[in-house]
Amino acid sequence: VYLETYGCQMNVNDTEIAWAILQKNGYARTKELEEADVVLLVTCSVREKAEQAIWNRLQHLRALKARRPPARAPLRIGILGCMAERLKEQILHREKLVDIVAGPDAYRDLPRLLAVAESGQQAANVLLSLDETYADILPVQTSAGGTTAFVSIMRGCDNMCSYCIVPFTRGRERSRPIASILQEVRMLSDQGVKEVTLLGQNVNSFRDLSEVQFQSVAAPGLSRGFSTVYKAKQGGLRFAHLLDQVSRIDPEMRIRFTSPHPKDFPDEASVLQLIQERHNICKQLHLPAQSGSTRVLEAMRRGYTREAYLELVHHVRDSIPGVLSLSSDFIAGFCGETEEDHQQTVSLLREVRYNTGFLFAYSMREKTRAHHRLQDDVPAEVKKRRLEQLITTFREEAAGANAALVGQTQLVLVEGPSKRSASELCGRNDGNIKVIFPDAELEDAADCGAAGRAQPGDYVMVKVTSASSQTLRGVPLCRTTLSRAAASH
């Protein structure tokens, strides 16, 4: 089987789950497309561009299928994930070469679907589940170097933002039992993984209902000035409890999480308190804003105003002193966005000064509320111009935020050699910013006599000498440990 992943980190994790299931059923994996008997594409539907890439890829695979020698069994092609969920009929009918279609909740069914395809029929399962979390399947890690890993803690989303296809392609929110998450993180720790990112569409509304005694716990409040389209749900162990437990497993393992929703950082924010207290929970938050205009935020059904969002940003920065890196998502040219609305987004970028940004032009998706109720009335060239302005503004501000780190020492988790030069190493600091430094002999802070080169998975203190909007460069000082670096600060 040959697996190819498109889109978000959730899809990377889904690829690992699908592969774990196929491996148990006797499949071997190949990295060479020509060797494959089965080609599976794990797809994304969030924007049209992502889907277009898949349609183009299918044309390439059509040629591969046609060239296959008669002596070999026919090549089987499968579309998995969000696009399979959204466009099942279209994929099966438009592309007769696709043999199987499996939605995000149907990966357990892959061996059966492939067996049906062996007999020459098309097979599909796009049933969405209310309880599938793949809790008992330990994903087979495929990430580079094995120093970092993603752990899925929940699936689906209940927020129903008007632009978003996710609730329709991934279904309702459901959380994995905490016990199975802790088991996976322990296993990763034993394998030497040094950084885990807890993954979900809306991680901080996590709610584990598997333990009976916690089923009647009151629902937590929302952040001040935030609202939702659904009623607050009571019961279950919450995200703060999970974060607390995960961070205790291995003091040398960094913990991150993505993507949270701003509404779920209430004022009594025990999550923020944990980030401040625990040296191994990264002081970095993803706070997706999407727009800086209250009018557009209302049309998007985000459940907050510009003012409420900014108040949360200030609250977060007050709660967690020291370096706190913020990242965000923005959409340019949403339905009805005026030039004034756009300028308000530009000014929000300037005011907050994010370190990392994910910025895209709006792409209308069928099934969403925007598709039913709103007009996609911002011309493509205007979207493009606005997106370019947002990117330029973001880069200027990020460069300024990163420049403030010049002269400081940063603890960097080494991931491997730099892409551009074999004589340099690359890693990330606590704020998830890429740091590049020379690969040199280093003292070990814990063992005065030992000198050696840093390896992937090592922590290195680096003095920052220059910065751009994307990257820091510096001089390595010594190897150390996460606990030791925290104690010396």
Protein backbone atom coordinates (compact mmCIF):
# COMPACT_ATOMS: atom_id res chain seq x y z
CA VAL A 1 0.00 0.00 0.00
CA TYR A 2 1.18 3.51 -0.85
CA LEU A 3 -0.27 6.32 1.31
CA GLU A 4 -0.28 10.01 0.40
CA THR A 5 -1.50 12.75 2.78
CA TYR A 6 -3.01 16.14 1.95
CA GLY A 7 -4.14 18.91 4.30
CA CYS A 8 -3.97 19.32 8.05
CA GLN A 9 -2.22 17.57 10.93
CA MET A 10 -5.45 15.63 11.60
CA ASN A 11 -4.95 14.00 8.21
CA VAL A 12 -1.35 13.09 9.06
CA ASN A 13 -2.72 11.39 12.17
CA ASP A 14 -5.53 9.72 10.17
CA THR A 15 -2.89 8.34 7.77
CA GLU A 16 -1.10 6.75 10.75
CA ILE A 17 -4.41 5.24 12.00
CA ALA A 18 -5.31 3.86 8.54
CA TRP A 19 -1.82 2.38 8.20
CA ALA A 20 -2.01 0.79 11.69
CA ILE A 21 -5.27 -0.94 10.66
CA LEU A 22 -3.88 -2.15 7.31
CA GLN A 23 -0.61 -3.34 8.88
CA LYS A 24 -2.61 -5.53 11.32
CA ASN A 25 -4.39 -7.00 8.29
CA GLY A 26 -1.23 -8.13 6.56
CA TYR A 27 -0.45 -5.16 4.31
CA ALA A 28 3.11 -3.97 3.74
CA ARG A 29 3.88 -0.32 3.03
CA THR A 30 5.91 1.07 0.15
CA LYS A 31 7.38 4.52 -0.42
CA GLU A 32 7.59 3.83 -4.18
CA LEU A 33 4.40 4.54 -6.10
CA GLU A 34 5.38 2.09 -8.88
CA GLU A 35 5.59 -0.81 -6.37
CA ALA A 36 2.09 -0.27 -4.97
CA ASP A 37 -0.91 -2.58 -5.41
CA VAL A 38 -3.09 -0.11 -3.50
CA VAL A 39 -2.80 3.69 -3.55
CA LEU A 40 -4.69 5.58 -0.82
CA LEU A 41 -4.99 9.38 -0.78
CA VAL A 42 -5.95 10.92 2.59
CA THR A 43 -7.74 14.07 1.46
CA CYS A 44 -8.74 17.55 2.59
CA SER A 45 -11.88 19.55 1.76
CA VAL A 46 -11.30 22.79 3.64
CA ARG A 47 -10.54 24.79 0.48
CA GLU A 48 -11.16 24.28 -3.20
CA LYS A 49 -7.42 24.34 -3.91
CA ALA A 50 -6.91 21.27 -1.72
CA GLU A 51 -9.59 19.35 -3.63
CA GLN A 52 -8.20 20.46 -7.00
CA ALA A 53 -4.84 18.94 -6.08
CA ILE A 54 -6.58 15.57 -5.60
CA TRP A 55 -8.45 15.71 -8.92
CA ASN A 56 -5.11 16.47 -10.62
CA ARG A 57 -3.41 13.63 -8.78
CA LEU A 58 -6.14 11.22 -9.94
CA GLN A 59 -5.32 12.06 -13.57
CA HIS A 60 -1.72 11.06 -12.90
CA LEU A 61 -2.87 7.81 -11.25
CA ARG A 62 -5.18 7.06 -14.21
CA ALA A 63 -2.07 6.88 -16.41
CA LEU A 64 -0.30 4.69 -13.85
CA LYS A 65 -3.29 2.33 -13.76
CA ALA A 66 -3.37 2.10 -17.56
CA ARG A 67 0.36 1.32 -17.79
CA ARG A 68 0.18 -1.56 -15.30
CA PRO A 69 1.42 -4.86 -16.81
CA PRO A 70 -1.38 -7.46 -17.28
CA ALA A 71 0.68 -9.95 -15.25
CA ARG A 72 0.14 -7.88 -12.08
CA ALA A 73 -3.18 -7.56 -10.25
CA PRO A 74 -5.00 -4.33 -11.17
CA LEU A 75 -3.97 -1.25 -9.18
CA ARG A 76 -6.60 -0.26 -6.58
CA ILE A 77 -7.08 3.43 -5.82
CA GLY A 78 -8.83 4.79 -2.74
CA ILE A 79 -9.91 8.26 -1.63
CA LEU A 80 -10.00 8.62 2.19
CA GLY A 81 -10.97 11.41 4.56
CA CYS A 82 -12.86 14.66 4.18
CA MET A 83 -13.15 14.85 0.40
CA ALA A 84 -14.46 11.27 0.35
CA GLU A 85 -17.11 12.33 2.86
CA ARG A 86 -18.10 15.44 0.91
CA LEU A 87 -18.06 14.15 -2.65
CA LYS A 88 -18.69 10.40 -2.49
CA GLU A 89 -21.05 10.16 -5.51
CA GLN A 90 -18.99 12.52 -7.63
CA ILE A 91 -15.76 10.64 -6.97
CA LEU A 92 -17.26 7.22 -7.75
CA HIS A 93 -19.03 8.39 -10.91
CA ARG A 94 -16.70 11.03 -12.30
CA GLU A 95 -13.54 9.02 -11.71
CA LYS A 96 -14.34 5.43 -12.61
CA LEU A 97 -10.74 4.62 -11.68
CA VAL A 98 -11.43 5.14 -7.95
CA ASP A 99 -12.15 1.76 -6.36
CA ILE A 100 -12.82 2.68 -2.74
CA VAL A 101 -14.12 5.73 -0.90
CA ALA A 102 -13.83 5.86 2.91
CA GLY A 103 -14.84 8.75 5.17
CA PRO A 104 -12.92 9.76 8.33
CA ASP A 105 -14.97 7.42 10.55
CA ALA A 106 -14.66 4.36 8.25
CA TYR A 107 -10.97 3.44 8.48
CA ARG A 108 -11.71 0.24 10.43
CA ASP A 109 -13.66 -0.86 7.36
CA LEU A 110 -10.68 -0.48 4.97
CA PRO A 111 -9.76 -4.21 4.84
CA ARG A 112 -13.38 -5.10 3.88
CA LEU A 113 -13.61 -2.26 1.33
CA LEU A 114 -10.34 -3.37 -0.26
CA ALA A 115 -11.56 -7.00 -0.39
CA VAL A 116 -14.70 -5.83 -2.23
CA ALA A 117 -12.51 -3.81 -4.62
CA GLU A 118 -10.41 -6.95 -5.29
CA SER A 119 -13.52 -8.51 -6.84
CA GLY A 120 -13.72 -5.61 -9.31
CA GLN A 121 -16.53 -3.63 -7.67
CA GLN A 122 -16.41 -0.09 -6.30
CA ALA A 123 -16.83 0.07 -2.50
CA ALA A 124 -17.74 3.01 -0.24
CA ASN A 125 -18.34 3.75 3.43
CA VAL A 126 -18.87 7.37 4.42
CA LEU A 127 -21.01 6.81 7.50
CA LEU A 128 -20.24 9.39 10.17
CA SER A 129 -20.19 8.08 13.72
CA LEU A 130 -21.24 9.63 17.01
CA ASP A 131 -18.66 7.64 18.98
CA GLU A 132 -15.73 6.55 16.77
CA THR A 133 -12.46 7.92 18.19
CA TYR A 134 -10.10 5.03 17.20
CA ALA A 135 -9.20 4.97 20.91
CA ASP A 136 -7.90 1.38 20.82
CA ILE A 137 -5.74 1.84 17.73
CA LEU A 138 -2.22 3.05 18.43
CA PRO A 139 -1.18 4.99 15.31
CA VAL A 140 2.05 3.94 13.63
CA GLN A 141 4.21 7.06 13.86
CA THR A 142 5.53 8.26 10.52
CA SER A 143 6.91 11.70 11.45
CA ALA A 144 10.50 12.60 10.57
CA GLY A 145 13.24 11.62 12.99
CA GLY A 146 10.74 10.47 15.57
CA THR A 147 11.40 13.42 17.91
CA THR A 148 7.88 14.85 17.60
CA ALA A 149 4.44 13.23 17.34
CA PHE A 150 0.77 14.17 17.09
CA VAL A 151 -1.80 12.52 19.35
CA SER A 152 -5.44 12.83 18.38
CA ILE A 153 -7.62 13.47 21.45
CA MET A 154 -10.99 14.11 19.78
CA ARG A 155 -12.73 14.11 16.42
CA GLY A 156 -15.37 16.30 14.76
CA CYS A 157 -16.62 19.77 15.69
CA ASP A 158 -19.87 21.30 17.02
CA ASN A 159 -19.12 24.98 16.40
CA MET A 160 -20.84 25.30 13.01
CA CYS A 161 -18.93 28.41 11.88
CA SER A 162 -20.69 29.51 8.72
CA TYR A 163 -17.65 29.11 6.41
CA CYS A 164 -16.53 25.69 7.68
CA ILE A 165 -17.07 22.27 6.13
CA VAL A 166 -15.51 20.32 9.04
CA PRO A 167 -18.75 19.47 10.95
CA PHE A 168 -20.10 17.99 7.70
CA THR A 169 -16.98 16.01 6.75
CA ARG A 170 -15.85 14.94 10.24
CA GLY A 171 -19.15 14.90 12.12
CA ARG A 172 -19.99 15.80 15.69
CA GLU A 173 -17.51 16.38 18.46
CA ARG A 174 -16.48 13.29 20.44
CA SER A 175 -13.55 12.85 22.76
CA ARG A 176 -11.27 9.91 23.27
CA PRO A 177 -11.06 8.36 26.77
CA ILE A 178 -8.20 9.94 28.75
CA ALA A 179 -6.80 6.50 29.65
CA SER A 180 -6.15 5.64 25.99
CA ILE A 181 -4.50 9.04 25.33
CA LEU A 182 -2.18 8.59 28.33
CA GLN A 183 -1.29 5.09 27.14
CA GLU A 184 -0.30 6.46 23.72
CA VAL A 185 1.76 9.32 25.20
CA ARG A 186 3.58 6.89 27.54
CA MET A 187 4.39 4.66 24.58
CA LEU A 188 5.77 7.66 22.65
CA SER A 189 7.83 8.70 25.68
CA ASP A 190 9.29 5.16 25.86
CA GLN A 191 10.19 5.43 22.16
CA GLY A 192 12.16 8.60 22.88
CA VAL A 193 9.69 11.11 21.40
CA LYS A 194 10.45 14.52 22.94
CA GLU A 195 7.44 16.58 21.86
CA VAL A 196 3.77 15.68 21.62
CA THR A 197 1.03 17.86 20.12
CA LEU A 198 -2.50 17.06 21.33
CA LEU A 199 -4.70 17.32 18.28
CA GLY A 200 -8.37 18.06 17.66
CA GLN A 201 -10.66 20.41 15.78
CA ASN A 202 -11.51 22.13 19.06
CA VAL A 203 -9.21 20.64 21.72
CA ASN A 204 -10.21 22.80 24.66
CA SER A 205 -13.85 21.67 24.53
CA PHE A 206 -12.57 18.12 25.19
CA ARG A 207 -14.98 16.05 27.32
CA ASP A 208 -14.22 12.45 28.27
CA LEU A 209 -17.50 10.78 29.28
CA SER A 210 -16.07 7.28 29.67
CA GLU A 211 -15.85 7.39 33.50
CA VAL A 212 -19.27 7.23 35.11
CA GLN A 213 -18.43 9.25 38.21
CA PHE A 214 -17.70 12.37 36.14
CA GLN A 215 -20.84 12.35 34.01
CA SER A 216 -22.76 14.94 36.03
CA VAL A 217 -19.97 17.54 36.41
CA ALA A 218 -21.27 21.06 35.64
CA ALA A 219 -20.35 22.59 32.29
CA PRO A 220 -17.54 25.19 32.50
CA GLY A 221 -18.35 28.79 31.59
CA LEU A 222 -17.23 30.42 28.37
CA SER A 223 -14.66 33.21 28.14
CA ARG A 224 -16.12 36.66 28.83
CA GLY A 225 -17.91 38.07 25.75
CA PHE A 226 -18.16 34.69 23.95
CA SER A 227 -21.22 32.68 22.93
CA THR A 228 -22.00 29.42 21.09
CA VAL A 229 -24.74 28.14 18.79
CA TYR A 230 -25.14 25.03 20.98
CA LYS A 231 -26.04 24.59 24.66
CA ALA A 232 -23.14 24.10 27.10
CA LYS A 233 -22.65 20.39 27.68
CA GLN A 234 -22.28 19.11 31.21
CA GLY A 235 -20.38 16.07 32.42
CA GLY A 236 -17.04 14.53 31.67
CA LEU A 237 -13.38 15.12 32.41
CA ARG A 238 -12.23 18.33 30.74
CA PHE A 239 -9.20 19.48 28.80
CA ALA A 240 -7.44 20.97 31.87
CA HIS A 241 -7.55 17.55 33.55
CA LEU A 242 -6.12 15.87 30.42
CA LEU A 243 -3.38 18.49 30.04
CA ASP A 244 -2.45 18.07 33.72
CA GLN A 245 -2.19 14.27 33.35
CA VAL A 246 -0.29 14.34 30.04
CA SER A 247 2.26 16.87 31.31
CA ARG A 248 3.10 14.61 34.29
CA ILE A 249 4.11 11.60 32.15
CA ASP A 250 7.60 12.74 31.18
CA PRO A 251 9.23 15.96 32.46
CA GLU A 252 11.57 15.86 29.43
CA MET A 253 8.71 15.84 26.91
CA ARG A 254 7.27 19.08 25.60
CA ILE A 255 3.49 19.30 25.28
CA ARG A 256 1.63 21.46 22.73
CA PHE A 257 -2.01 21.45 21.64
CA THR A 258 -3.95 22.60 18.59
CA SER A 259 -6.43 23.84 17.61
CA PRO A 260 -8.30 25.46 20.49
CA HIS A 261 -11.33 27.75 20.12
CA PRO A 262 -11.00 31.16 21.82
CA LYS A 263 -14.39 30.71 23.56
CA ASP A 264 -13.10 27.80 25.64
CA PHE A 265 -10.51 29.74 27.66
CA PRO A 266 -12.83 30.84 30.50
CA ASP A 267 -11.72 33.45 33.02
CA GLU A 268 -11.01 30.91 35.75
CA ALA A 269 -8.73 29.39 33.09
CA SER A 270 -7.07 26.45 34.74
CA VAL A 271 -5.61 25.64 31.30
CA LEU A 272 -3.72 28.96 31.27
CA GLN A 273 -2.63 28.34 34.85
CA LEU A 274 -1.21 24.94 33.87
CA ILE A 275 0.69 26.47 30.93
CA GLN A 276 2.23 28.96 33.31
CA GLU A 277 3.10 26.38 36.01
CA ARG A 278 4.44 23.41 34.03
CA HIS A 279 7.86 23.79 32.46
CA ASN A 280 7.07 21.19 29.80
CA ILE A 281 3.81 22.72 28.51
CA CYS A 282 4.90 25.13 25.76
CA LYS A 283 4.14 28.82 26.29
CA GLN A 284 2.59 28.99 22.87
CA LEU A 285 -1.08 29.33 21.95
CA HIS A 286 -3.00 29.07 18.72
CA LEU A 287 -5.89 31.57 18.91
CA PRO A 288 -7.72 31.47 15.56
CA ALA A 289 -9.27 34.90 14.98
CA GLN A 290 -10.38 34.52 11.30
CA SER A 291 -11.21 38.26 11.01
CA GLY A 292 -10.62 41.52 12.85
CA SER A 293 -14.09 42.89 12.05
CA THR A 294 -16.96 42.30 14.48
CA ARG A 295 -19.44 42.48 11.59
CA VAL A 296 -17.62 39.74 9.64
CA LEU A 297 -17.11 37.64 12.81
CA GLU A 298 -20.89 37.72 13.30
CA ALA A 299 -21.47 36.59 9.70
CA MET A 300 -18.93 33.81 10.32
CA ARG A 301 -20.80 32.79 13.52
CA ARG A 302 -17.60 32.82 15.52
CA GLY A 303 -19.39 33.76 18.75
CA TYR A 304 -17.25 36.79 19.70
CA THR A 305 -16.55 40.42 18.85
CA ARG A 306 -13.19 41.95 18.02
CA GLU A 307 -13.15 43.49 21.53
CA ALA A 308 -13.83 40.14 23.28
CA TYR A 309 -11.04 38.51 21.26
CA LEU A 310 -8.56 41.27 22.14
CA GLU A 311 -9.55 41.10 25.80
CA LEU A 312 -8.80 37.36 25.73
CA VAL A 313 -5.37 38.02 24.13
CA HIS A 314 -4.53 40.51 26.91
CA HIS A 315 -5.84 38.08 29.55
CA VAL A 316 -3.63 35.30 28.11
CA ARG A 317 -0.55 37.53 28.04
CA ASP A 318 -1.19 38.71 31.61
CA SER A 319 -1.77 35.13 32.85
CA ILE A 320 1.40 33.73 31.31
CA PRO A 321 4.30 36.12 31.85
CA GLY A 322 7.48 35.58 29.87
CA VAL A 323 7.66 34.78 26.21
CA LEU A 324 4.32 33.70 24.85
CA SER A 325 4.14 32.97 21.17
CA LEU A 326 0.74 33.42 19.55
CA SER A 327 -0.42 31.99 16.23
CA SER A 328 -3.71 32.49 14.40
CA ASP A 329 -5.81 31.74 11.30
CA PHE A 330 -7.28 34.41 9.02
CA ILE A 331 -9.65 34.33 6.06
CA ALA A 332 -9.42 37.11 3.46
CA GLY A 333 -12.51 38.12 1.47
CA PHE A 334 -15.31 36.35 3.36
CA CYS A 335 -18.89 36.98 2.13
CA GLY A 336 -19.81 40.66 2.40
CA GLU A 337 -16.36 41.76 3.62
CA THR A 338 -15.85 45.46 2.84
CA GLU A 339 -12.57 47.32 2.51
CA GLU A 340 -13.15 48.73 6.00
CA ASP A 341 -13.67 45.20 7.43
CA HIS A 342 -10.44 44.13 5.75
CA GLN A 343 -8.53 47.09 7.24
CA GLN A 344 -9.78 46.06 10.69
CA THR A 345 -8.17 42.65 10.17
CA VAL A 346 -4.94 44.39 9.13
CA SER A 347 -5.05 46.47 12.32
CA LEU A 348 -5.72 43.37 14.47
CA LEU A 349 -2.59 41.75 12.98
CA ARG A 350 -0.63 44.87 13.94
CA GLU A 351 -2.10 45.10 17.41
CA VAL A 352 -1.65 41.44 18.44
CA ARG A 353 1.64 40.77 16.62
CA TYR A 354 1.42 37.03 15.97
CA ASN A 355 4.57 34.91 15.63
CA THR A 356 2.94 32.46 13.22
CA GLY A 357 -0.04 32.87 10.90
CA PHE A 358 -2.12 30.71 8.57
CA LEU A 359 -3.77 33.02 6.05
CA PHE A 360 -6.06 32.06 3.17
CA ALA A 361 -8.47 33.58 0.68
CA TYR A 362 -12.09 32.55 1.33
CA SER A 363 -13.29 29.52 -0.61
CA MET A 364 -17.06 28.83 -0.57
CA ARG A 365 -17.91 25.23 0.43
CA GLU A 366 -21.22 23.50 -0.33
CA LYS A 367 -23.34 22.38 2.66
CA THR A 368 -22.04 25.21 4.88
CA ARG A 369 -24.35 27.90 6.25
CA ALA A 370 -22.52 30.51 4.15
CA HIS A 371 -23.38 28.49 1.02
CA HIS A 372 -27.07 28.46 1.95
CA ARG A 373 -27.44 31.97 3.35
CA LEU A 374 -24.69 34.29 2.08
CA GLN A 375 -23.27 35.57 -1.20
CA ASP A 376 -19.65 34.91 -2.12
CA ASP A 377 -19.52 38.48 -3.41
CA VAL A 378 -15.87 39.51 -3.02
CA PRO A 379 -14.20 39.23 -6.47
CA ALA A 380 -11.26 36.80 -6.74
CA GLU A 381 -8.73 39.55 -7.55
CA VAL A 382 -9.87 41.54 -4.46
CA LYS A 383 -9.49 38.43 -2.26
CA LYS A 384 -6.00 37.95 -3.70
CA ARG A 385 -5.00 41.57 -3.05
CA ARG A 386 -6.38 41.49 0.51
CA LEU A 387 -4.66 38.18 1.24
CA GLU A 388 -1.35 39.59 0.01
CA GLN A 389 -1.76 42.63 2.24
CA LEU A 390 -2.55 40.41 5.27
CA ILE A 391 0.52 38.26 4.56
CA THR A 392 2.78 41.32 4.21
CA THR A 393 1.43 42.82 7.45
CA PHE A 394 1.75 39.51 9.29
CA ARG A 395 5.38 39.11 8.13
CA GLU A 396 6.33 42.64 9.20
CA GLU A 397 4.88 42.11 12.66
CA ALA A 398 6.30 38.59 13.06
CA ALA A 399 9.74 39.87 12.02
CA GLY A 400 9.44 42.56 14.72
CA ALA A 401 8.29 40.05 17.35
CA ASN A 402 11.13 37.67 16.45
CA ALA A 403 13.73 40.50 16.35
CA ALA A 404 12.97 41.08 20.05
CA LEU A 405 14.54 37.66 20.72
CA VAL A 406 17.94 38.62 19.28
CA GLY A 407 20.53 38.48 22.08
CA GLN A 408 18.42 36.11 24.18
CA THR A 409 19.13 32.43 24.74
CA GLN A 410 16.46 30.00 23.63
CA LEU A 411 16.03 26.32 24.45
CA VAL A 412 15.80 24.45 21.14
CA LEU A 413 14.64 20.89 20.55
CA VAL A 414 16.81 19.56 17.71
CA GLU A 415 14.80 17.98 14.89
CA GLY A 416 17.62 17.25 12.44
CA PRO A 417 19.88 18.82 9.80
CA SER A 418 18.75 22.11 8.25
CA LYS A 419 17.14 21.69 4.81
CA ARG A 420 19.52 24.20 3.25
CA SER A 421 22.83 23.15 4.74
CA ALA A 422 24.18 19.86 6.08
CA SER A 423 26.56 21.81 8.35
CA GLU A 424 23.64 23.34 10.27
CA LEU A 425 20.99 21.91 12.57
CA CYS A 426 17.35 22.91 12.77
CA GLY A 427 14.93 22.75 15.67
CA ARG A 428 12.15 24.70 17.37
CA ASN A 429 12.03 26.84 20.47
CA ASP A 430 9.28 26.78 23.09
CA GLY A 431 7.23 29.20 20.95
CA ASN A 432 7.37 26.77 18.00
CA ILE A 433 9.60 29.09 15.96
CA LYS A 434 12.24 27.46 13.77
CA VAL A 435 15.81 27.99 14.99
CA ILE A 436 18.88 27.24 12.82
CA PHE A 437 22.40 26.99 14.23
CA PRO A 438 25.80 25.48 13.28
CA ASP A 439 26.32 21.77 13.95
CA ALA A 440 29.34 21.97 16.28
CA GLU A 441 30.94 20.12 19.20
CA LEU A 442 29.05 21.10 22.35
CA GLU A 443 29.59 20.79 26.09
CA ASP A 444 26.88 18.99 28.01
CA ALA A 445 25.52 21.15 30.86
CA ALA A 446 24.67 18.05 32.90
CA ASP A 447 28.01 16.31 32.36
CA CYS A 448 30.88 18.81 32.39
CA GLY A 449 33.43 16.49 30.79
CA ALA A 450 31.27 15.32 27.90
CA ALA A 451 31.47 17.10 24.56
CA GLY A 452 29.75 15.95 21.40
CA ARG A 453 27.50 16.94 18.54
CA ALA A 454 23.80 17.48 19.17
CA GLN A 455 21.49 14.73 17.87
CA PRO A 456 17.76 14.87 16.96
CA GLY A 457 15.84 14.80 20.25
CA ASP A 458 18.52 16.74 22.16
CA TYR A 459 17.80 20.07 23.85
CA VAL A 460 20.35 22.79 23.05
CA MET A 461 20.69 26.30 24.47
CA VAL A 462 21.12 28.68 21.52
CA LYS A 463 21.99 32.38 21.68
CA VAL A 464 19.92 34.14 19.00
CA THR A 465 22.01 36.32 16.66
CA SER A 466 19.50 37.21 13.91
CA ALA A 467 15.80 36.87 13.10
CA SER A 468 13.38 36.96 10.17
CA SER A 469 9.58 36.63 10.11
CA GLN A 470 9.89 32.82 9.92
CA THR A 471 13.21 31.85 11.48
CA LEU A 472 15.75 32.57 14.19
CA ARG A 473 19.47 31.94 13.73
CA GLY A 474 21.97 31.59 16.54
CA VAL A 475 25.08 30.15 18.14
CA PRO A 476 24.77 26.91 20.15
CA LEU A 477 26.02 27.19 23.76
CA CYS A 478 25.56 23.73 25.27
CA ARG A 479 23.39 20.63 25.37
CA THR A 480 21.02 20.48 28.33
CA THR A 481 17.71 19.00 29.51
CA LEU A 482 14.24 20.50 29.63
CA SER A 483 14.08 20.29 33.45
CA ARG A 484 17.55 21.76 33.89
CA ALA A 485 16.83 24.67 31.54
CA ALA A 486 13.56 25.39 33.42
CA ALA A 487 15.33 25.33 36.80
CA SER A 488 17.99 27.81 35.66
CA HIS A 489 15.40 30.37 34.46
